[in-house]
Amino acid sequence: MKIDIISIAKKEKSIYDPLYKELEKMISRFAKVEAIEIFPKDVAKSHTISPNASQKAYTRALEPHINGAYCISLHPDGDLIDSFEFSKLLNDKMSIKFFVGGAYGFENNFLKKSDAVISLGKLTMSHKIAKVVLLEQIYRGFSILSNHPYHK
């Protein structure tokens, strides 16, 4: 299985990089994970215009990636699910793409193109923290599916 985490974010080194690598290594028994950060110039420019312009720029940047996979968007108004429900999203898929929007979230048109829209919770968190939470839940989900004791 292949999992892509595609986010509106600048590529930069982070203190969380070792944790990402560790979680990706743990997941590698089940799937290959690739993180793709996208932050084109029109996204940066749109942030100076309006939230609506920003959402439209996110859609333009991310839309080419909605294809050939089960697409899950992370959104504050998405479904609040537990780890067992999350594991079902991973089950029997060949390829999954997780989408993490920018500061202003997604347009409804983009969300409608997703196979699922979920929330990591009601708390607002940075992309870096959200990525850690997502990676941990991916590992937990695979552990649940394979009856590995990690999830207990």
N, C-alpha and C. Protein backbone atom coordinates (compact mmCIF):
# COMPACT_ATOMS: atom_id res chain seq x y z
N MET A 1 0.84 -1.18 0.00
CA MET A 1 0.00 0.00 0.00
C MET A 1 0.88 1.24 0.00
N LYS A 2 0.39 2.29 -0.64
CA LYS A 2 1.08 3.57 -0.67
C LYS A 2 0.19 4.62 -0.04
N ILE A 3 0.78 5.44 0.82
CA ILE A 3 0.06 6.54 1.46
C ILE A 3 0.82 7.83 1.20
N ASP A 4 0.12 8.81 0.65
CA ASP A 4 0.68 10.14 0.46
C ASP A 4 -0.02 11.10 1.42
N ILE A 5 0.77 11.95 2.06
CA ILE A 5 0.23 13.02 2.89
C ILE A 5 0.60 14.31 2.17
N ILE A 6 -0.41 14.94 1.58
CA ILE A 6 -0.19 16.11 0.74
C ILE A 6 -0.72 17.33 1.48
N SER A 7 0.15 18.28 1.73
CA SER A 7 -0.27 19.44 2.53
C SER A 7 0.18 20.76 1.91
N ILE A 8 -0.61 21.77 2.21
CA ILE A 8 -0.25 23.14 1.86
C ILE A 8 0.70 23.59 2.97
N ALA A 9 1.97 23.53 2.69
CA ALA A 9 2.98 23.88 3.69
C ALA A 9 4.31 24.12 3.00
N LYS A 10 5.12 24.96 3.62
CA LYS A 10 6.46 25.20 3.09
C LYS A 10 7.36 24.04 3.48
N LYS A 11 8.23 23.65 2.56
CA LYS A 11 9.22 22.61 2.87
C LYS A 11 10.28 23.25 3.74
N GLU A 12 10.39 22.76 4.95
CA GLU A 12 11.40 23.30 5.86
C GLU A 12 11.76 22.25 6.89
N LYS A 13 12.95 22.36 7.40
CA LYS A 13 13.39 21.45 8.46
C LYS A 13 12.59 21.75 9.72
N SER A 14 12.37 20.72 10.51
CA SER A 14 11.55 20.86 11.71
C SER A 14 12.15 20.02 12.83
N ILE A 15 11.91 20.44 14.05
CA ILE A 15 12.34 19.63 15.20
C ILE A 15 11.57 18.31 15.24
N TYR A 16 10.47 18.23 14.49
CA TYR A 16 9.67 17.02 14.46
C TYR A 16 10.16 16.00 13.43
N ASP A 17 11.11 16.37 12.60
CA ASP A 17 11.59 15.47 11.54
C ASP A 17 12.00 14.09 12.06
N PRO A 18 12.74 13.99 13.18
CA PRO A 18 13.09 12.64 13.68
C PRO A 18 11.85 11.82 14.07
N LEU A 19 10.84 12.49 14.60
CA LEU A 19 9.61 11.79 14.96
C LEU A 19 8.87 11.32 13.71
N TYR A 20 8.80 12.18 12.68
CA TYR A 20 8.20 11.75 11.41
C TYR A 20 8.90 10.50 10.90
N LYS A 21 10.23 10.55 10.89
CA LYS A 21 11.01 9.42 10.35
C LYS A 21 10.74 8.14 11.15
N GLU A 22 10.68 8.27 12.47
CA GLU A 22 10.42 7.11 13.32
C GLU A 22 9.04 6.52 13.04
N LEU A 23 8.03 7.38 12.95
CA LEU A 23 6.68 6.89 12.67
C LEU A 23 6.59 6.29 11.27
N GLU A 24 7.23 6.92 10.29
CA GLU A 24 7.23 6.37 8.93
C GLU A 24 7.91 5.00 8.90
N LYS A 25 8.97 4.83 9.69
CA LYS A 25 9.65 3.54 9.78
C LYS A 25 8.72 2.48 10.39
N MET A 26 7.99 2.87 11.43
CA MET A 26 7.04 1.94 12.06
C MET A 26 5.95 1.53 11.06
N ILE A 27 5.47 2.50 10.29
CA ILE A 27 4.41 2.24 9.31
C ILE A 27 4.92 1.39 8.15
N SER A 28 6.21 1.46 7.87
CA SER A 28 6.78 0.81 6.68
C SER A 28 6.52 -0.70 6.63
N ARG A 29 6.21 -1.32 7.74
CA ARG A 29 5.84 -2.74 7.75
C ARG A 29 4.53 -2.96 7.00
N PHE A 30 3.72 -1.90 6.93
CA PHE A 30 2.39 -2.00 6.35
C PHE A 30 2.24 -1.23 5.04
N ALA A 31 2.93 -0.09 4.93
CA ALA A 31 2.74 0.78 3.77
C ALA A 31 3.93 1.71 3.61
N LYS A 32 4.08 2.22 2.40
CA LYS A 32 5.10 3.24 2.13
C LYS A 32 4.41 4.60 2.26
N VAL A 33 5.01 5.49 3.05
CA VAL A 33 4.45 6.81 3.27
C VAL A 33 5.35 7.86 2.62
N GLU A 34 4.70 8.79 1.93
CA GLU A 34 5.44 9.92 1.36
C GLU A 34 4.72 11.20 1.74
N ALA A 35 5.48 12.15 2.27
CA ALA A 35 4.93 13.47 2.60
C ALA A 35 5.28 14.43 1.47
N ILE A 36 4.26 15.14 0.99
CA ILE A 36 4.44 16.09 -0.10
C ILE A 36 3.95 17.44 0.36
N GLU A 37 4.88 18.40 0.47
CA GLU A 37 4.50 19.76 0.87
C GLU A 37 4.43 20.63 -0.38
N ILE A 38 3.34 21.37 -0.50
CA ILE A 38 3.12 22.23 -1.66
C ILE A 38 2.84 23.65 -1.16
N PHE A 39 3.58 24.61 -1.70
CA PHE A 39 3.33 26.00 -1.33
C PHE A 39 3.75 26.91 -2.49
N PRO A 40 2.97 26.87 -3.59
CA PRO A 40 3.33 27.70 -4.75
C PRO A 40 3.15 29.19 -4.46
N LYS A 41 3.73 29.99 -5.33
CA LYS A 41 3.69 31.45 -5.15
C LYS A 41 2.27 31.99 -5.08
N ASP A 42 1.33 31.42 -5.86
CA ASP A 42 -0.03 31.96 -5.82
C ASP A 42 -0.71 31.70 -4.48
N VAL A 43 -0.29 30.66 -3.74
CA VAL A 43 -0.82 30.45 -2.39
C VAL A 43 -0.32 31.55 -1.47
N ALA A 44 0.97 31.84 -1.53
CA ALA A 44 1.53 32.91 -0.70
C ALA A 44 0.84 34.23 -1.01
N LYS A 45 0.65 34.53 -2.30
CA LYS A 45 0.00 35.78 -2.70
C LYS A 45 -1.45 35.82 -2.23
N SER A 46 -2.15 34.69 -2.34
CA SER A 46 -3.57 34.65 -1.95
C SER A 46 -3.77 34.95 -0.48
N HIS A 47 -2.78 34.62 0.35
CA HIS A 47 -2.89 34.90 1.79
C HIS A 47 -2.97 36.39 2.08
N THR A 48 -2.47 37.20 1.14
CA THR A 48 -2.54 38.66 1.33
C THR A 48 -3.85 39.24 0.78
N ILE A 49 -4.66 38.39 0.13
CA ILE A 49 -5.90 38.87 -0.48
C ILE A 49 -7.10 38.59 0.42
N SER A 50 -7.41 37.30 0.62
CA SER A 50 -8.58 36.95 1.45
C SER A 50 -8.58 35.45 1.74
N PRO A 51 -9.35 35.05 2.77
CA PRO A 51 -9.49 33.61 3.03
C PRO A 51 -10.08 32.86 1.83
N ASN A 52 -11.07 33.46 1.15
CA ASN A 52 -11.69 32.83 -0.01
C ASN A 52 -10.67 32.63 -1.13
N ALA A 53 -9.87 33.66 -1.40
CA ALA A 53 -8.83 33.55 -2.43
C ALA A 53 -7.82 32.47 -2.05
N SER A 54 -7.52 32.36 -0.76
CA SER A 54 -6.58 31.34 -0.29
C SER A 54 -7.14 29.94 -0.52
N GLN A 55 -8.40 29.73 -0.18
CA GLN A 55 -9.01 28.41 -0.40
C GLN A 55 -8.99 28.04 -1.88
N LYS A 56 -9.27 28.99 -2.74
CA LYS A 56 -9.24 28.72 -4.18
C LYS A 56 -7.82 28.34 -4.63
N ALA A 57 -6.81 29.03 -4.07
CA ALA A 57 -5.42 28.72 -4.41
C ALA A 57 -5.05 27.32 -3.91
N TYR A 58 -5.54 26.94 -2.74
CA TYR A 58 -5.26 25.59 -2.23
C TYR A 58 -5.86 24.54 -3.18
N THR A 59 -7.08 24.80 -3.63
CA THR A 59 -7.73 23.86 -4.55
C THR A 59 -6.91 23.71 -5.82
N ARG A 60 -6.47 24.83 -6.38
CA ARG A 60 -5.66 24.76 -7.62
C ARG A 60 -4.38 23.96 -7.39
N ALA A 61 -3.78 24.12 -6.23
CA ALA A 61 -2.52 23.42 -5.93
C ALA A 61 -2.74 21.93 -5.68
N LEU A 62 -3.84 21.58 -5.03
CA LEU A 62 -4.06 20.19 -4.61
C LEU A 62 -4.87 19.35 -5.60
N GLU A 63 -5.71 19.99 -6.39
CA GLU A 63 -6.61 19.27 -7.29
C GLU A 63 -5.90 18.27 -8.21
N PRO A 64 -4.72 18.60 -8.74
CA PRO A 64 -4.05 17.61 -9.61
C PRO A 64 -3.70 16.30 -8.89
N HIS A 65 -3.70 16.32 -7.57
CA HIS A 65 -3.34 15.13 -6.80
C HIS A 65 -4.54 14.24 -6.47
N ILE A 66 -5.76 14.72 -6.76
CA ILE A 66 -6.95 13.90 -6.50
C ILE A 66 -7.16 12.99 -7.69
N ASN A 67 -6.56 11.82 -7.62
CA ASN A 67 -6.73 10.84 -8.68
C ASN A 67 -6.10 9.52 -8.28
N GLY A 68 -6.69 8.45 -8.73
CA GLY A 68 -6.10 7.13 -8.60
C GLY A 68 -5.87 6.62 -7.19
N ALA A 69 -6.53 7.22 -6.21
CA ALA A 69 -6.35 6.78 -4.83
C ALA A 69 -7.62 7.09 -4.05
N TYR A 70 -7.72 6.52 -2.87
CA TYR A 70 -8.79 6.86 -1.95
C TYR A 70 -8.35 8.17 -1.26
N CYS A 71 -9.13 9.23 -1.42
CA CYS A 71 -8.72 10.56 -0.97
C CYS A 71 -9.46 10.96 0.31
N ILE A 72 -8.68 11.33 1.32
CA ILE A 72 -9.22 11.73 2.61
C ILE A 72 -8.72 13.14 2.93
N SER A 73 -9.65 14.06 3.13
CA SER A 73 -9.28 15.42 3.50
C SER A 73 -9.44 15.61 5.00
N LEU A 74 -8.46 16.27 5.60
CA LEU A 74 -8.55 16.60 7.02
C LEU A 74 -9.14 18.00 7.12
N HIS A 75 -10.24 18.11 7.85
CA HIS A 75 -10.97 19.37 7.92
C HIS A 75 -11.63 19.49 9.29
N PRO A 76 -11.60 20.68 9.90
CA PRO A 76 -12.18 20.82 11.24
C PRO A 76 -13.65 20.41 11.33
N ASP A 77 -14.41 20.58 10.24
CA ASP A 77 -15.82 20.21 10.25
C ASP A 77 -16.06 18.79 9.72
N GLY A 78 -14.98 18.04 9.53
CA GLY A 78 -15.11 16.67 9.06
C GLY A 78 -15.65 15.76 10.15
N ASP A 79 -15.85 14.51 9.80
CA ASP A 79 -16.37 13.52 10.76
C ASP A 79 -15.36 13.29 11.88
N LEU A 80 -15.84 13.34 13.11
CA LEU A 80 -15.00 12.98 14.26
C LEU A 80 -15.10 11.46 14.42
N ILE A 81 -13.99 10.79 14.22
CA ILE A 81 -13.99 9.33 14.28
C ILE A 81 -12.98 8.86 15.31
N ASP A 82 -13.17 7.63 15.78
CA ASP A 82 -12.20 7.07 16.71
C ASP A 82 -11.17 6.24 15.93
N SER A 83 -10.21 5.69 16.64
CA SER A 83 -9.12 4.97 15.99
C SER A 83 -9.61 3.72 15.25
N PHE A 84 -10.65 3.08 15.75
CA PHE A 84 -11.17 1.89 15.07
C PHE A 84 -11.85 2.27 13.76
N GLU A 85 -12.59 3.37 13.78
CA GLU A 85 -13.21 3.85 12.53
C GLU A 85 -12.12 4.31 11.55
N PHE A 86 -11.07 4.93 12.08
CA PHE A 86 -9.95 5.35 11.23
C PHE A 86 -9.32 4.13 10.56
N SER A 87 -9.14 3.05 11.32
CA SER A 87 -8.51 1.85 10.76
C SER A 87 -9.31 1.30 9.58
N LYS A 88 -10.64 1.44 9.63
CA LYS A 88 -11.49 0.97 8.54
C LYS A 88 -11.23 1.77 7.26
N LEU A 89 -10.82 3.03 7.40
CA LEU A 89 -10.48 3.84 6.22
C LEU A 89 -9.24 3.28 5.51
N LEU A 90 -8.35 2.65 6.26
CA LEU A 90 -7.12 2.09 5.71
C LEU A 90 -7.32 0.71 5.09
N ASN A 91 -8.35 0.02 5.56
CA ASN A 91 -8.54 -1.38 5.20
C ASN A 91 -8.86 -1.56 3.71
N ASP A 92 -8.17 -2.53 3.09
CA ASP A 92 -8.43 -2.94 1.71
C ASP A 92 -8.22 -1.85 0.67
N LYS A 93 -7.32 -0.92 0.93
CA LYS A 93 -7.01 0.13 -0.04
C LYS A 93 -5.62 -0.13 -0.61
N MET A 94 -5.44 0.18 -1.87
CA MET A 94 -4.11 0.05 -2.50
C MET A 94 -3.32 1.35 -2.35
N SER A 95 -4.06 2.47 -2.37
CA SER A 95 -3.41 3.78 -2.31
C SER A 95 -4.35 4.76 -1.62
N ILE A 96 -3.79 5.52 -0.69
CA ILE A 96 -4.57 6.53 0.03
C ILE A 96 -3.81 7.85 -0.03
N LYS A 97 -4.56 8.92 -0.21
CA LYS A 97 -3.98 10.26 -0.15
C LYS A 97 -4.72 11.05 0.92
N PHE A 98 -3.94 11.57 1.86
CA PHE A 98 -4.48 12.46 2.88
C PHE A 98 -4.16 13.89 2.47
N PHE A 99 -5.14 14.77 2.56
CA PHE A 99 -4.96 16.17 2.20
C PHE A 99 -5.10 17.05 3.44
N VAL A 100 -4.09 17.91 3.63
CA VAL A 100 -4.09 18.86 4.74
C VAL A 100 -4.08 20.25 4.11
N GLY A 101 -5.13 21.00 4.35
CA GLY A 101 -5.27 22.32 3.74
C GLY A 101 -4.37 23.35 4.38
N GLY A 102 -4.48 24.55 3.88
CA GLY A 102 -3.72 25.66 4.43
C GLY A 102 -4.44 26.29 5.61
N ALA A 103 -4.00 27.46 6.00
CA ALA A 103 -4.52 28.16 7.18
C ALA A 103 -6.03 28.41 7.11
N TYR A 104 -6.56 28.51 5.89
CA TYR A 104 -7.98 28.84 5.73
C TYR A 104 -8.84 27.65 5.35
N GLY A 105 -8.30 26.46 5.43
CA GLY A 105 -9.08 25.26 5.15
C GLY A 105 -9.37 25.06 3.67
N PHE A 106 -10.37 24.23 3.40
CA PHE A 106 -10.69 23.86 2.03
C PHE A 106 -11.98 24.51 1.55
N GLU A 107 -12.08 24.67 0.24
CA GLU A 107 -13.35 25.02 -0.38
C GLU A 107 -14.26 23.81 -0.31
N ASN A 108 -15.57 24.05 -0.26
CA ASN A 108 -16.52 22.93 -0.27
C ASN A 108 -16.37 22.10 -1.54
N ASN A 109 -16.08 22.74 -2.67
CA ASN A 109 -15.91 22.00 -3.93
C ASN A 109 -14.78 20.99 -3.83
N PHE A 110 -13.70 21.34 -3.14
CA PHE A 110 -12.59 20.39 -2.97
C PHE A 110 -13.03 19.23 -2.06
N LEU A 111 -13.71 19.57 -0.97
CA LEU A 111 -14.14 18.54 -0.02
C LEU A 111 -15.08 17.53 -0.70
N LYS A 112 -15.93 18.00 -1.61
CA LYS A 112 -16.87 17.12 -2.30
C LYS A 112 -16.15 16.10 -3.18
N LYS A 113 -14.93 16.40 -3.60
CA LYS A 113 -14.15 15.48 -4.43
C LYS A 113 -13.44 14.42 -3.60
N SER A 114 -13.44 14.59 -2.29
CA SER A 114 -12.79 13.63 -1.39
C SER A 114 -13.71 12.44 -1.14
N ASP A 115 -13.10 11.28 -0.93
CA ASP A 115 -13.88 10.09 -0.58
C ASP A 115 -14.34 10.13 0.87
N ALA A 116 -13.55 10.82 1.71
CA ALA A 116 -13.89 10.97 3.12
C ALA A 116 -13.34 12.31 3.60
N VAL A 117 -14.05 12.90 4.55
CA VAL A 117 -13.59 14.14 5.18
C VAL A 117 -13.65 13.90 6.69
N ILE A 118 -12.48 13.95 7.32
CA ILE A 118 -12.40 13.66 8.75
C ILE A 118 -11.73 14.81 9.49
N SER A 119 -11.96 14.84 10.79
CA SER A 119 -11.33 15.83 11.65
C SER A 119 -10.44 15.11 12.65
N LEU A 120 -9.30 15.72 12.95
CA LEU A 120 -8.42 15.16 13.99
C LEU A 120 -8.84 15.64 15.38
N GLY A 121 -9.88 16.43 15.45
CA GLY A 121 -10.38 16.92 16.73
C GLY A 121 -10.76 18.38 16.64
N LYS A 122 -11.32 18.88 17.72
CA LYS A 122 -11.78 20.26 17.74
C LYS A 122 -10.67 21.27 18.02
N LEU A 123 -9.53 20.79 18.49
CA LEU A 123 -8.42 21.68 18.76
C LEU A 123 -7.76 22.11 17.45
N THR A 124 -7.33 23.36 17.40
CA THR A 124 -6.54 23.82 16.26
C THR A 124 -5.09 23.45 16.52
N MET A 125 -4.43 22.91 15.50
CA MET A 125 -3.02 22.54 15.66
C MET A 125 -2.26 22.91 14.41
N SER A 126 -0.97 23.09 14.57
CA SER A 126 -0.12 23.41 13.42
C SER A 126 -0.03 22.20 12.49
N HIS A 127 0.36 22.45 11.24
CA HIS A 127 0.55 21.36 10.29
C HIS A 127 1.53 20.34 10.83
N LYS A 128 2.57 20.81 11.48
CA LYS A 128 3.61 19.90 11.98
C LYS A 128 3.05 18.94 13.02
N ILE A 129 2.22 19.46 13.92
CA ILE A 129 1.61 18.61 14.94
C ILE A 129 0.56 17.70 14.31
N ALA A 130 -0.24 18.26 13.39
CA ALA A 130 -1.26 17.45 12.72
C ALA A 130 -0.62 16.27 12.00
N LYS A 131 0.54 16.50 11.39
CA LYS A 131 1.23 15.42 10.68
C LYS A 131 1.66 14.32 11.65
N VAL A 132 2.15 14.70 12.82
CA VAL A 132 2.52 13.70 13.84
C VAL A 132 1.29 12.89 14.25
N VAL A 133 0.19 13.59 14.53
CA VAL A 133 -1.05 12.91 14.94
C VAL A 133 -1.52 11.97 13.84
N LEU A 134 -1.50 12.45 12.60
CA LEU A 134 -1.94 11.62 11.48
C LEU A 134 -1.06 10.38 11.32
N LEU A 135 0.25 10.56 11.35
CA LEU A 135 1.16 9.41 11.22
C LEU A 135 0.94 8.41 12.35
N GLU A 136 0.76 8.90 13.56
CA GLU A 136 0.54 7.99 14.69
C GLU A 136 -0.76 7.22 14.50
N GLN A 137 -1.80 7.89 14.02
CA GLN A 137 -3.07 7.21 13.80
C GLN A 137 -3.00 6.21 12.65
N ILE A 138 -2.20 6.51 11.65
CA ILE A 138 -2.01 5.55 10.56
C ILE A 138 -1.36 4.28 11.12
N TYR A 139 -0.31 4.45 11.95
CA TYR A 139 0.32 3.28 12.54
C TYR A 139 -0.66 2.54 13.45
N ARG A 140 -1.38 3.29 14.27
CA ARG A 140 -2.36 2.68 15.17
C ARG A 140 -3.43 1.93 14.35
N GLY A 141 -3.88 2.54 13.27
CA GLY A 141 -4.89 1.90 12.43
C GLY A 141 -4.41 0.57 11.86
N PHE A 142 -3.18 0.55 11.35
CA PHE A 142 -2.63 -0.70 10.83
C PHE A 142 -2.45 -1.72 11.96
N SER A 143 -2.08 -1.24 13.15
CA SER A 143 -1.94 -2.15 14.29
C SER A 143 -3.27 -2.79 14.65
N ILE A 144 -4.33 -2.00 14.60
CA ILE A 144 -5.67 -2.54 14.86
C ILE A 144 -6.02 -3.59 13.81
N LEU A 145 -5.78 -3.28 12.55
CA LEU A 145 -6.14 -4.20 11.47
C LEU A 145 -5.36 -5.52 11.54
N SER A 146 -4.15 -5.47 12.09
CA SER A 146 -3.32 -6.68 12.14
C SER A 146 -3.28 -7.30 13.55
N ASN A 147 -4.17 -6.84 14.42
CA ASN A 147 -4.23 -7.34 15.81
C ASN A 147 -2.91 -7.23 16.55
N HIS A 148 -2.13 -6.21 16.21
CA HIS A 148 -0.89 -5.93 16.93
C HIS A 148 -1.26 -5.24 18.25
N PRO A 149 -0.58 -5.55 19.35
CA PRO A 149 -0.99 -5.01 20.66
C PRO A 149 -0.73 -3.51 20.86
N TYR A 150 -0.09 -2.82 19.91
CA TYR A 150 0.22 -1.39 20.07
C TYR A 150 -1.02 -0.58 20.44
N HIS A 151 -2.15 -0.88 19.82
CA HIS A 151 -3.35 -0.05 19.98
C HIS A 151 -4.05 -0.23 21.31
N LYS A 152 -3.60 -1.17 22.13
CA LYS A 152 -4.31 -1.43 23.39
C LYS A 152 -3.78 -0.58 24.51
